[in-house]
ModelCIF file with pLDDT and N, C-alpha, C, O atoms, coordinates in Angstrom:
data_MODEL
#
_entry.id   MODEL 
#
_entity.id                         1 
_entity.type                       polymer 
_entity.pdbx_number_of_molecules   1 
#
_entity_poly.entity_id                      1 
_entity_poly.type                           'polypeptide(L)' 
_entity_poly.nstd_linkage                   no 
_entity_poly.nstd_monomer                   no 
_entity_poly.pdbx_seq_one_letter_code       
;(UNK)(UNK)(UNK)(UNK)(UNK)(UNK)(UNK)(UNK)(UNK)(UNK)(UNK)(UNK)(UNK)(UNK)(UNK)(UNK)
(UNK)(UNK)(UNK)(UNK)(UNK)(UNK)(UNK)(UNK)(UNK)(UNK)(UNK)(UNK)(UNK)(UNK)(UNK)(UNK)
(UNK)(UNK)(UNK)(UNK)(UNK)(UNK)(UNK)(UNK)(UNK)(UNK)(UNK)(UNK)(UNK)
;
_entity_poly.pdbx_seq_one_letter_code_can   XXXXXXXXXXXXXXXXXXXXXXXXXXXXXXXXXXXXXXXXXXXXX 
_entity_poly.pdbx_strand_id                 A 
#
loop_
_entity_poly_seq.entity_id 
_entity_poly_seq.num 
_entity_poly_seq.mon_id 
_entity_poly_seq.hetero 
1 1  UNK n 
1 2  UNK n 
1 3  UNK n 
1 4  UNK n 
1 5  UNK n 
1 6  UNK n 
1 7  UNK n 
1 8  UNK n 
1 9  UNK n 
1 10 UNK n 
1 11 UNK n 
1 12 UNK n 
1 13 UNK n 
1 14 UNK n 
1 15 UNK n 
1 16 UNK n 
1 17 UNK n 
1 18 UNK n 
1 19 UNK n 
1 20 UNK n 
1 21 UNK n 
1 22 UNK n 
1 23 UNK n 
1 24 UNK n 
1 25 UNK n 
1 26 UNK n 
1 27 UNK n 
1 28 UNK n 
1 29 UNK n 
1 30 UNK n 
1 31 UNK n 
1 32 UNK n 
1 33 UNK n 
1 34 UNK n 
1 35 UNK n 
1 36 UNK n 
1 37 UNK n 
1 38 UNK n 
1 39 UNK n 
1 40 UNK n 
1 41 UNK n 
1 42 UNK n 
1 43 UNK n 
1 44 UNK n 
1 45 UNK n 
#
_struct_asym.id          A 
_struct_asym.entity_id   1 
#
loop_
_ma_qa_metric.id 
_ma_qa_metric.mode 
_ma_qa_metric.name 
_ma_qa_metric.software_group_id 
_ma_qa_metric.type 
1 global pLDDT . pLDDT 
2 local  pLDDT . pLDDT 
#
_ma_qa_metric_global.metric_id      1 
_ma_qa_metric_global.metric_value   47.82 
_ma_qa_metric_global.model_id       1 
_ma_qa_metric_global.ordinal_id     1 
#
loop_
_ma_qa_metric_local.label_asym_id 
_ma_qa_metric_local.label_comp_id 
_ma_qa_metric_local.label_seq_id 
_ma_qa_metric_local.metric_id 
_ma_qa_metric_local.metric_value 
_ma_qa_metric_local.model_id 
_ma_qa_metric_local.ordinal_id 
A UNK 1  2 77.00 1 1  
A UNK 2  2 69.00 1 2  
A UNK 3  2 64.00 1 3  
A UNK 4  2 60.00 1 4  
A UNK 5  2 51.00 1 5  
A UNK 6  2 44.00 1 6  
A UNK 7  2 39.00 1 7  
A UNK 8  2 36.00 1 8  
A UNK 9  2 39.00 1 9  
A UNK 10 2 39.00 1 10 
A UNK 11 2 39.00 1 11 
A UNK 12 2 40.00 1 12 
A UNK 13 2 37.00 1 13 
A UNK 14 2 36.00 1 14 
A UNK 15 2 35.00 1 15 
A UNK 16 2 31.00 1 16 
A UNK 17 2 33.00 1 17 
A UNK 18 2 32.00 1 18 
A UNK 19 2 29.00 1 19 
A UNK 20 2 29.00 1 20 
A UNK 21 2 28.00 1 21 
A UNK 22 2 28.00 1 22 
A UNK 23 2 28.00 1 23 
A UNK 24 2 30.00 1 24 
A UNK 25 2 29.00 1 25 
A UNK 26 2 28.00 1 26 
A UNK 27 2 28.00 1 27 
A UNK 28 2 29.00 1 28 
A UNK 29 2 29.00 1 29 
A UNK 30 2 33.00 1 30 
A UNK 31 2 32.00 1 31 
A UNK 32 2 30.00 1 32 
A UNK 33 2 31.00 1 33 
A UNK 34 2 39.00 1 34 
A UNK 35 2 66.00 1 35 
A UNK 36 2 77.00 1 36 
A UNK 37 2 73.00 1 37 
A UNK 38 2 77.00 1 38 
A UNK 39 2 79.00 1 39 
A UNK 40 2 85.00 1 40 
A UNK 41 2 76.00 1 41 
A UNK 42 2 80.00 1 42 
A UNK 43 2 88.00 1 43 
A UNK 44 2 88.00 1 44 
A UNK 45 2 82.00 1 45 
#
loop_
_atom_site.group_PDB 
_atom_site.id 
_atom_site.type_symbol 
_atom_site.label_atom_id 
_atom_site.label_alt_id 
_atom_site.label_comp_id 
_atom_site.label_asym_id 
_atom_site.label_entity_id 
_atom_site.label_seq_id 
_atom_site.pdbx_PDB_ins_code 
_atom_site.Cartn_x 
_atom_site.Cartn_y 
_atom_site.Cartn_z 
_atom_site.occupancy 
_atom_site.B_iso_or_equiv 
_atom_site.pdbx_formal_charge 
_atom_site.auth_seq_id 
_atom_site.auth_comp_id 
_atom_site.auth_asym_id 
_atom_site.auth_atom_id 
_atom_site.pdbx_PDB_model_num 
ATOM 1   N N  . UNK A 1 1  ? 0.819   -1.200 0.000  1.00 77.00 ? 1  UNK A N  1 
ATOM 2   C CA . UNK A 1 1  ? 0.000   0.000  0.000  1.00 77.00 ? 1  UNK A CA 1 
ATOM 3   C C  . UNK A 1 1  ? 0.855   1.252  0.000  1.00 77.00 ? 1  UNK A C  1 
ATOM 4   O O  . UNK A 1 1  ? 0.502   2.249  -0.630 1.00 77.00 ? 1  UNK A O  1 
ATOM 5   N N  . UNK A 1 2  ? 1.981   1.209  0.705  1.00 69.00 ? 2  UNK A N  1 
ATOM 6   C CA . UNK A 1 2  ? 2.855   2.377  0.745  1.00 69.00 ? 2  UNK A CA 1 
ATOM 7   C C  . UNK A 1 2  ? 3.446   2.654  -0.623 1.00 69.00 ? 2  UNK A C  1 
ATOM 8   O O  . UNK A 1 2  ? 3.587   3.813  -1.015 1.00 69.00 ? 2  UNK A O  1 
ATOM 9   N N  . UNK A 1 3  ? 3.799   1.587  -1.367 1.00 64.00 ? 3  UNK A N  1 
ATOM 10  C CA . UNK A 1 3  ? 4.310   1.794  -2.720 1.00 64.00 ? 3  UNK A CA 1 
ATOM 11  C C  . UNK A 1 3  ? 3.247   2.431  -3.606 1.00 64.00 ? 3  UNK A C  1 
ATOM 12  O O  . UNK A 1 3  ? 3.541   3.282  -4.445 1.00 64.00 ? 3  UNK A O  1 
ATOM 13  N N  . UNK A 1 4  ? 2.010   2.003  -3.401 1.00 60.00 ? 4  UNK A N  1 
ATOM 14  C CA . UNK A 1 4  ? 0.924   2.582  -4.189 1.00 60.00 ? 4  UNK A CA 1 
ATOM 15  C C  . UNK A 1 4  ? 0.741   4.059  -3.851 1.00 60.00 ? 4  UNK A C  1 
ATOM 16  O O  . UNK A 1 4  ? 0.370   4.861  -4.708 1.00 60.00 ? 4  UNK A O  1 
ATOM 17  N N  . UNK A 1 5  ? 1.012   4.419  -2.560 1.00 51.00 ? 5  UNK A N  1 
ATOM 18  C CA . UNK A 1 5  ? 0.857   5.802  -2.122 1.00 51.00 ? 5  UNK A CA 1 
ATOM 19  C C  . UNK A 1 5  ? 2.154   6.607  -2.241 1.00 51.00 ? 5  UNK A C  1 
ATOM 20  O O  . UNK A 1 5  ? 2.170   7.820  -2.029 1.00 51.00 ? 5  UNK A O  1 
ATOM 21  N N  . UNK A 1 6  ? 3.251   5.899  -2.589 1.00 44.00 ? 6  UNK A N  1 
ATOM 22  C CA . UNK A 1 6  ? 4.515   6.589  -2.746 1.00 44.00 ? 6  UNK A CA 1 
ATOM 23  C C  . UNK A 1 6  ? 5.278   6.800  -1.461 1.00 44.00 ? 6  UNK A C  1 
ATOM 24  O O  . UNK A 1 6  ? 6.137   7.680  -1.404 1.00 44.00 ? 6  UNK A O  1 
ATOM 25  N N  . UNK A 1 7  ? 4.997   6.021  -0.418 1.00 39.00 ? 7  UNK A N  1 
ATOM 26  C CA . UNK A 1 7  ? 5.738   6.160  0.830  1.00 39.00 ? 7  UNK A CA 1 
ATOM 27  C C  . UNK A 1 7  ? 5.735   4.829  1.551  1.00 39.00 ? 7  UNK A C  1 
ATOM 28  O O  . UNK A 1 7  ? 4.958   3.933  1.223  1.00 39.00 ? 7  UNK A O  1 
ATOM 29  N N  . UNK A 1 8  ? 6.605   4.706  2.529  1.00 36.00 ? 8  UNK A N  1 
ATOM 30  C CA . UNK A 1 8  ? 6.711   3.496  3.336  1.00 36.00 ? 8  UNK A CA 1 
ATOM 31  C C  . UNK A 1 8  ? 6.915   3.924  4.773  1.00 36.00 ? 8  UNK A C  1 
ATOM 32  O O  . UNK A 1 8  ? 7.923   4.556  5.090  1.00 36.00 ? 8  UNK A O  1 
ATOM 33  N N  . UNK A 1 9  ? 5.980   3.596  5.648  1.00 39.00 ? 9  UNK A N  1 
ATOM 34  C CA . UNK A 1 9  ? 6.086   3.967  7.054  1.00 39.00 ? 9  UNK A CA 1 
ATOM 35  C C  . UNK A 1 9  ? 6.257   2.738  7.904  1.00 39.00 ? 9  UNK A C  1 
ATOM 36  O O  . UNK A 1 9  ? 5.772   1.661  7.556  1.00 39.00 ? 9  UNK A O  1 
ATOM 37  N N  . UNK A 1 10 ? 6.946   2.890  9.020  1.00 39.00 ? 10 UNK A N  1 
ATOM 38  C CA . UNK A 1 10 ? 7.225   1.743  9.885  1.00 39.00 ? 10 UNK A CA 1 
ATOM 39  C C  . UNK A 1 10 ? 6.137   1.504  10.895 1.00 39.00 ? 10 UNK A C  1 
ATOM 40  O O  . UNK A 1 10 ? 5.736   0.363  11.123 1.00 39.00 ? 10 UNK A O  1 
ATOM 41  N N  . UNK A 1 11 ? 5.647   2.583  11.512 1.00 39.00 ? 11 UNK A N  1 
ATOM 42  C CA . UNK A 1 11 ? 4.582   2.454  12.510 1.00 39.00 ? 11 UNK A CA 1 
ATOM 43  C C  . UNK A 1 11 ? 3.433   3.317  12.038 1.00 39.00 ? 11 UNK A C  1 
ATOM 44  O O  . UNK A 1 11 ? 3.524   4.543  12.110 1.00 39.00 ? 11 UNK A O  1 
ATOM 45  N N  . UNK A 1 12 ? 2.368   2.727  11.564 1.00 40.00 ? 12 UNK A N  1 
ATOM 46  C CA . UNK A 1 12 ? 1.311   3.466  10.882 1.00 40.00 ? 12 UNK A CA 1 
ATOM 47  C C  . UNK A 1 12 ? 0.505   4.352  11.832 1.00 40.00 ? 12 UNK A C  1 
ATOM 48  O O  . UNK A 1 12 ? 0.048   5.426  11.440 1.00 40.00 ? 12 UNK A O  1 
ATOM 49  N N  . UNK A 1 13 ? 0.332   3.914  13.056 1.00 37.00 ? 13 UNK A N  1 
ATOM 50  C CA . UNK A 1 13 ? -0.357  4.725  14.055 1.00 37.00 ? 13 UNK A CA 1 
ATOM 51  C C  . UNK A 1 13 ? 0.550   4.859  15.258 1.00 37.00 ? 13 UNK A C  1 
ATOM 52  O O  . UNK A 1 13 ? 1.380   3.981  15.495 1.00 37.00 ? 13 UNK A O  1 
ATOM 53  N N  . UNK A 1 14 ? 0.421   5.917  16.018 1.00 36.00 ? 14 UNK A N  1 
ATOM 54  C CA . UNK A 1 14 ? 1.277   6.092  17.183 1.00 36.00 ? 14 UNK A CA 1 
ATOM 55  C C  . UNK A 1 14 ? 0.463   6.600  18.357 1.00 36.00 ? 14 UNK A C  1 
ATOM 56  O O  . UNK A 1 14 ? -0.600  7.184  18.151 1.00 36.00 ? 14 UNK A O  1 
ATOM 57  N N  . UNK A 1 15 ? 0.939   6.392  19.616 1.00 35.00 ? 15 UNK A N  1 
ATOM 58  C CA . UNK A 1 15 ? 0.246   6.922  20.782 1.00 35.00 ? 15 UNK A CA 1 
ATOM 59  C C  . UNK A 1 15 ? 0.239   8.442  20.748 1.00 35.00 ? 15 UNK A C  1 
ATOM 60  O O  . UNK A 1 15 ? 1.200   9.060  20.291 1.00 35.00 ? 15 UNK A O  1 
ATOM 61  N N  . UNK A 1 16 ? -0.850  9.051  21.235 1.00 31.00 ? 16 UNK A N  1 
ATOM 62  C CA . UNK A 1 16 ? -0.911  10.501 21.309 1.00 31.00 ? 16 UNK A CA 1 
ATOM 63  C C  . UNK A 1 16 ? 0.062   11.036 22.344 1.00 31.00 ? 16 UNK A C  1 
ATOM 64  O O  . UNK A 1 16 ? 0.569   12.149 22.202 1.00 31.00 ? 16 UNK A O  1 
ATOM 65  N N  . UNK A 1 17 ? 0.327   10.260 23.377 1.00 33.00 ? 17 UNK A N  1 
ATOM 66  C CA . UNK A 1 17 ? 1.235   10.658 24.438 1.00 33.00 ? 17 UNK A CA 1 
ATOM 67  C C  . UNK A 1 17 ? 2.665   10.269 24.078 1.00 33.00 ? 17 UNK A C  1 
ATOM 68  O O  . UNK A 1 17 ? 2.887   9.406  23.229 1.00 33.00 ? 17 UNK A O  1 
ATOM 69  N N  . UNK A 1 18 ? 3.635   10.915 24.732 1.00 32.00 ? 18 UNK A N  1 
ATOM 70  C CA . UNK A 1 18 ? 5.032   10.546 24.537 1.00 32.00 ? 18 UNK A CA 1 
ATOM 71  C C  . UNK A 1 18 ? 5.387   9.263  25.258 1.00 32.00 ? 18 UNK A C  1 
ATOM 72  O O  . UNK A 1 18 ? 6.459   8.707  25.019 1.00 32.00 ? 18 UNK A O  1 
ATOM 73  N N  . UNK A 1 19 ? 4.534   8.782  26.118 1.00 29.00 ? 19 UNK A N  1 
ATOM 74  C CA . UNK A 1 19 ? 4.824   7.571  26.880 1.00 29.00 ? 19 UNK A CA 1 
ATOM 75  C C  . UNK A 1 19 ? 3.680   6.601  26.724 1.00 29.00 ? 19 UNK A C  1 
ATOM 76  O O  . UNK A 1 19 ? 2.515   6.997  26.757 1.00 29.00 ? 19 UNK A O  1 
ATOM 77  N N  . UNK A 1 20 ? 4.002   5.332  26.554 1.00 29.00 ? 20 UNK A N  1 
ATOM 78  C CA . UNK A 1 20 ? 2.946   4.343  26.413 1.00 29.00 ? 20 UNK A CA 1 
ATOM 79  C C  . UNK A 1 20 ? 2.265   4.053  27.738 1.00 29.00 ? 20 UNK A C  1 
ATOM 80  O O  . UNK A 1 20 ? 1.070   3.757  27.770 1.00 29.00 ? 20 UNK A O  1 
ATOM 81  N N  . UNK A 1 21 ? 3.007   4.135  28.822 1.00 28.00 ? 21 UNK A N  1 
ATOM 82  C CA . UNK A 1 21 ? 2.441   3.802  30.132 1.00 28.00 ? 21 UNK A CA 1 
ATOM 83  C C  . UNK A 1 21 ? 1.353   4.804  30.493 1.00 28.00 ? 21 UNK A C  1 
ATOM 84  O O  . UNK A 1 21 ? 1.593   6.011  30.500 1.00 28.00 ? 21 UNK A O  1 
ATOM 85  N N  . UNK A 1 22 ? 0.181   4.316  30.786 1.00 28.00 ? 22 UNK A N  1 
ATOM 86  C CA . UNK A 1 22 ? -0.929  5.162  31.220 1.00 28.00 ? 22 UNK A CA 1 
ATOM 87  C C  . UNK A 1 22 ? -1.622  5.893  30.101 1.00 28.00 ? 22 UNK A C  1 
ATOM 88  O O  . UNK A 1 22 ? -2.541  6.673  30.351 1.00 28.00 ? 22 UNK A O  1 
ATOM 89  N N  . UNK A 1 23 ? -1.203  5.660  28.863 1.00 28.00 ? 23 UNK A N  1 
ATOM 90  C CA . UNK A 1 23 ? -1.815  6.402  27.763 1.00 28.00 ? 23 UNK A CA 1 
ATOM 91  C C  . UNK A 1 23 ? -2.143  5.499  26.594 1.00 28.00 ? 23 UNK A C  1 
ATOM 92  O O  . UNK A 1 23 ? -2.230  5.957  25.455 1.00 28.00 ? 23 UNK A O  1 
ATOM 93  N N  . UNK A 1 24 ? -2.324  4.232  26.865 1.00 30.00 ? 24 UNK A N  1 
ATOM 94  C CA . UNK A 1 24 ? -2.473  3.288  25.768 1.00 30.00 ? 24 UNK A CA 1 
ATOM 95  C C  . UNK A 1 24 ? -3.832  3.355  25.098 1.00 30.00 ? 24 UNK A C  1 
ATOM 96  O O  . UNK A 1 24 ? -4.031  2.706  24.071 1.00 30.00 ? 24 UNK A O  1 
ATOM 97  N N  . UNK A 1 25 ? -4.770  4.109  25.634 1.00 29.00 ? 25 UNK A N  1 
ATOM 98  C CA . UNK A 1 25 ? -6.090  4.143  25.018 1.00 29.00 ? 25 UNK A CA 1 
ATOM 99  C C  . UNK A 1 25 ? -6.296  5.377  24.145 1.00 29.00 ? 25 UNK A C  1 
ATOM 100 O O  . UNK A 1 25 ? -7.370  5.526  23.563 1.00 29.00 ? 25 UNK A O  1 
ATOM 101 N N  . UNK A 1 26 ? -5.297  6.278  24.027 1.00 28.00 ? 26 UNK A N  1 
ATOM 102 C CA . UNK A 1 26 ? -5.436  7.465  23.192 1.00 28.00 ? 26 UNK A CA 1 
ATOM 103 C C  . UNK A 1 26 ? -4.469  7.374  22.022 1.00 28.00 ? 26 UNK A C  1 
ATOM 104 O O  . UNK A 1 26 ? -3.262  7.219  22.208 1.00 28.00 ? 26 UNK A O  1 
ATOM 105 N N  . UNK A 1 27 ? -5.014  7.472  20.815 1.00 28.00 ? 27 UNK A N  1 
ATOM 106 C CA . UNK A 1 27 ? -4.171  7.319  19.633 1.00 28.00 ? 27 UNK A CA 1 
ATOM 107 C C  . UNK A 1 27 ? -4.557  8.359  18.589 1.00 28.00 ? 27 UNK A C  1 
ATOM 108 O O  . UNK A 1 27 ? -5.717  8.761  18.492 1.00 28.00 ? 27 UNK A O  1 
ATOM 109 N N  . UNK A 1 28 ? -3.569  8.785  17.812 1.00 29.00 ? 28 UNK A N  1 
ATOM 110 C CA . UNK A 1 28 ? -3.828  9.681  16.700 1.00 29.00 ? 28 UNK A CA 1 
ATOM 111 C C  . UNK A 1 28 ? -3.300  9.054  15.431 1.00 29.00 ? 28 UNK A C  1 
ATOM 112 O O  . UNK A 1 28 ? -2.365  8.254  15.463 1.00 29.00 ? 28 UNK A O  1 
ATOM 113 N N  . UNK A 1 29 ? -3.891  9.414  14.335 1.00 29.00 ? 29 UNK A N  1 
ATOM 114 C CA . UNK A 1 29 ? -3.507  8.838  13.056 1.00 29.00 ? 29 UNK A CA 1 
ATOM 115 C C  . UNK A 1 29 ? -2.239  9.498  12.534 1.00 29.00 ? 29 UNK A C  1 
ATOM 116 O O  . UNK A 1 29 ? -2.109  10.722 12.541 1.00 29.00 ? 29 UNK A O  1 
ATOM 117 N N  . UNK A 1 30 ? -1.309  8.670  12.083 1.00 33.00 ? 30 UNK A N  1 
ATOM 118 C CA . UNK A 1 30 ? -0.090  9.140  11.425 1.00 33.00 ? 30 UNK A CA 1 
ATOM 119 C C  . UNK A 1 30 ? -0.133  8.672  9.976  1.00 33.00 ? 30 UNK A C  1 
ATOM 120 O O  . UNK A 1 30 ? -0.136  7.471  9.710  1.00 33.00 ? 30 UNK A O  1 
ATOM 121 N N  . UNK A 1 31 ? -0.166  9.604  9.054  1.00 32.00 ? 31 UNK A N  1 
ATOM 122 C CA . UNK A 1 31 ? -0.288  9.218  7.660  1.00 32.00 ? 31 UNK A CA 1 
ATOM 123 C C  . UNK A 1 31 ? -1.633  9.670  7.116  1.00 32.00 ? 31 UNK A C  1 
ATOM 124 O O  . UNK A 1 31 ? -2.336  10.447 7.763  1.00 32.00 ? 31 UNK A O  1 
ATOM 125 N N  . UNK A 1 32 ? -1.996  9.192  5.932  1.00 30.00 ? 32 UNK A N  1 
ATOM 126 C CA . UNK A 1 32 ? -3.236  9.591  5.308  1.00 30.00 ? 32 UNK A CA 1 
ATOM 127 C C  . UNK A 1 32 ? -4.005  8.367  4.889  1.00 30.00 ? 32 UNK A C  1 
ATOM 128 O O  . UNK A 1 32 ? -3.511  7.245  5.001  1.00 30.00 ? 32 UNK A O  1 
ATOM 129 N N  . UNK A 1 33 ? -5.202  8.574  4.411  1.00 31.00 ? 33 UNK A N  1 
ATOM 130 C CA . UNK A 1 33 ? -5.994  7.457  3.922  1.00 31.00 ? 33 UNK A CA 1 
ATOM 131 C C  . UNK A 1 33 ? -5.226  6.730  2.823  1.00 31.00 ? 33 UNK A C  1 
ATOM 132 O O  . UNK A 1 33 ? -4.538  7.345  2.008  1.00 31.00 ? 33 UNK A O  1 
ATOM 133 N N  . UNK A 1 34 ? -5.360  5.418  2.823  1.00 39.00 ? 34 UNK A N  1 
ATOM 134 C CA . UNK A 1 34 ? -4.633  4.597  1.875  1.00 39.00 ? 34 UNK A CA 1 
ATOM 135 C C  . UNK A 1 34 ? -3.549  3.784  2.544  1.00 39.00 ? 34 UNK A C  1 
ATOM 136 O O  . UNK A 1 34 ? -3.163  2.735  2.027  1.00 39.00 ? 34 UNK A O  1 
ATOM 137 N N  . UNK A 1 35 ? -3.039  4.245  3.696  1.00 66.00 ? 35 UNK A N  1 
ATOM 138 C CA . UNK A 1 35 ? -2.080  3.437  4.435  1.00 66.00 ? 35 UNK A CA 1 
ATOM 139 C C  . UNK A 1 35 ? -2.829  2.334  5.160  1.00 66.00 ? 35 UNK A C  1 
ATOM 140 O O  . UNK A 1 35 ? -4.033  2.428  5.397  1.00 66.00 ? 35 UNK A O  1 
ATOM 141 N N  . UNK A 1 36 ? -2.095  1.289  5.506  1.00 77.00 ? 36 UNK A N  1 
ATOM 142 C CA . UNK A 1 36 ? -2.721  0.157  6.183  1.00 77.00 ? 36 UNK A CA 1 
ATOM 143 C C  . UNK A 1 36 ? -3.318  0.578  7.511  1.00 77.00 ? 36 UNK A C  1 
ATOM 144 O O  . UNK A 1 36 ? -4.388  0.104  7.893  1.00 77.00 ? 36 UNK A O  1 
ATOM 145 N N  . UNK A 1 37 ? -2.630  1.469  8.220  1.00 73.00 ? 37 UNK A N  1 
ATOM 146 C CA . UNK A 1 37 ? -3.161  1.930  9.500  1.00 73.00 ? 37 UNK A CA 1 
ATOM 147 C C  . UNK A 1 37 ? -4.505  2.618  9.363  1.00 73.00 ? 37 UNK A C  1 
ATOM 148 O O  . UNK A 1 37 ? -5.388  2.438  10.202 1.00 73.00 ? 37 UNK A O  1 
ATOM 149 N N  . UNK A 1 38 ? -4.665  3.402  8.313  1.00 77.00 ? 38 UNK A N  1 
ATOM 150 C CA . UNK A 1 38 ? -5.921  4.093  8.107  1.00 77.00 ? 38 UNK A CA 1 
ATOM 151 C C  . UNK A 1 38 ? -7.047  3.114  7.782  1.00 77.00 ? 38 UNK A C  1 
ATOM 152 O O  . UNK A 1 38 ? -8.184  3.314  8.210  1.00 77.00 ? 38 UNK A O  1 
ATOM 153 N N  . UNK A 1 39 ? -6.741  2.072  7.039  1.00 79.00 ? 39 UNK A N  1 
ATOM 154 C CA . UNK A 1 39 ? -7.760  1.096  6.683  1.00 79.00 ? 39 UNK A CA 1 
ATOM 155 C C  . UNK A 1 39 ? -8.356  0.437  7.920  1.00 79.00 ? 39 UNK A C  1 
ATOM 156 O O  . UNK A 1 39 ? -9.551  0.143  7.955  1.00 79.00 ? 39 UNK A O  1 
ATOM 157 N N  . UNK A 1 40 ? -7.532  0.204  8.930  1.00 85.00 ? 40 UNK A N  1 
ATOM 158 C CA . UNK A 1 40 ? -7.988  -0.490 10.134 1.00 85.00 ? 40 UNK A CA 1 
ATOM 159 C C  . UNK A 1 40 ? -8.177  0.458  11.312 1.00 85.00 ? 40 UNK A C  1 
ATOM 160 O O  . UNK A 1 40 ? -8.325  0.006  12.447 1.00 85.00 ? 40 UNK A O  1 
ATOM 161 N N  . UNK A 1 41 ? -8.174  1.765  11.059 1.00 76.00 ? 41 UNK A N  1 
ATOM 162 C CA . UNK A 1 41 ? -8.316  2.751  12.131 1.00 76.00 ? 41 UNK A CA 1 
ATOM 163 C C  . UNK A 1 41 ? -9.640  2.556  12.870 1.00 76.00 ? 41 UNK A C  1 
ATOM 164 O O  . UNK A 1 41 ? -10.686 2.335  12.261 1.00 76.00 ? 41 UNK A O  1 
ATOM 165 N N  . UNK A 1 42 ? -9.563  2.645  14.190 1.00 80.00 ? 42 UNK A N  1 
ATOM 166 C CA . UNK A 1 42 ? -10.741 2.425  15.020 1.00 80.00 ? 42 UNK A CA 1 
ATOM 167 C C  . UNK A 1 42 ? -10.855 1.007  15.512 1.00 80.00 ? 42 UNK A C  1 
ATOM 168 O O  . UNK A 1 42 ? -11.536 0.743  16.503 1.00 80.00 ? 42 UNK A O  1 
ATOM 169 N N  . UNK A 1 43 ? -10.207 0.105  14.845 1.00 88.00 ? 43 UNK A N  1 
ATOM 170 C CA . UNK A 1 43 ? -10.222 -1.298 15.254 1.00 88.00 ? 43 UNK A CA 1 
ATOM 171 C C  . UNK A 1 43 ? -8.864  -1.701 15.816 1.00 88.00 ? 43 UNK A C  1 
ATOM 172 O O  . UNK A 1 43 ? -8.772  -2.361 16.850 1.00 88.00 ? 43 UNK A O  1 
ATOM 173 N N  . UNK A 1 44 ? -7.808  -1.287 15.109 1.00 88.00 ? 44 UNK A N  1 
ATOM 174 C CA . UNK A 1 44 ? -6.436  -1.575 15.529 1.00 88.00 ? 44 UNK A CA 1 
ATOM 175 C C  . UNK A 1 44 ? -5.771  -0.261 15.897 1.00 88.00 ? 44 UNK A C  1 
ATOM 176 O O  . UNK A 1 44 ? -5.888  0.720  15.161 1.00 88.00 ? 44 UNK A O  1 
ATOM 177 N N  . UNK A 1 45 ? -5.074  -0.227 17.026 1.00 82.00 ? 45 UNK A N  1 
ATOM 178 C CA . UNK A 1 45 ? -4.466  1.009  17.497 1.00 82.00 ? 45 UNK A CA 1 
ATOM 179 C C  . UNK A 1 45 ? -3.116  1.297  16.847 1.00 82.00 ? 45 UNK A C  1 
ATOM 180 O O  . UNK A 1 45 ? -2.488  2.310  17.152 1.00 82.00 ? 45 UNK A O  1 
#
């Protein structure tokens, strides 16, 4: 999918916080529609 979009990302979604501890339920999207993370957004963090 990244080749189709012209980019390759390692971690499609990331925690909103700088630390995973205590913040594992808040996530923001990194990238745009068309990446694998966006396809599964809301289901996979």
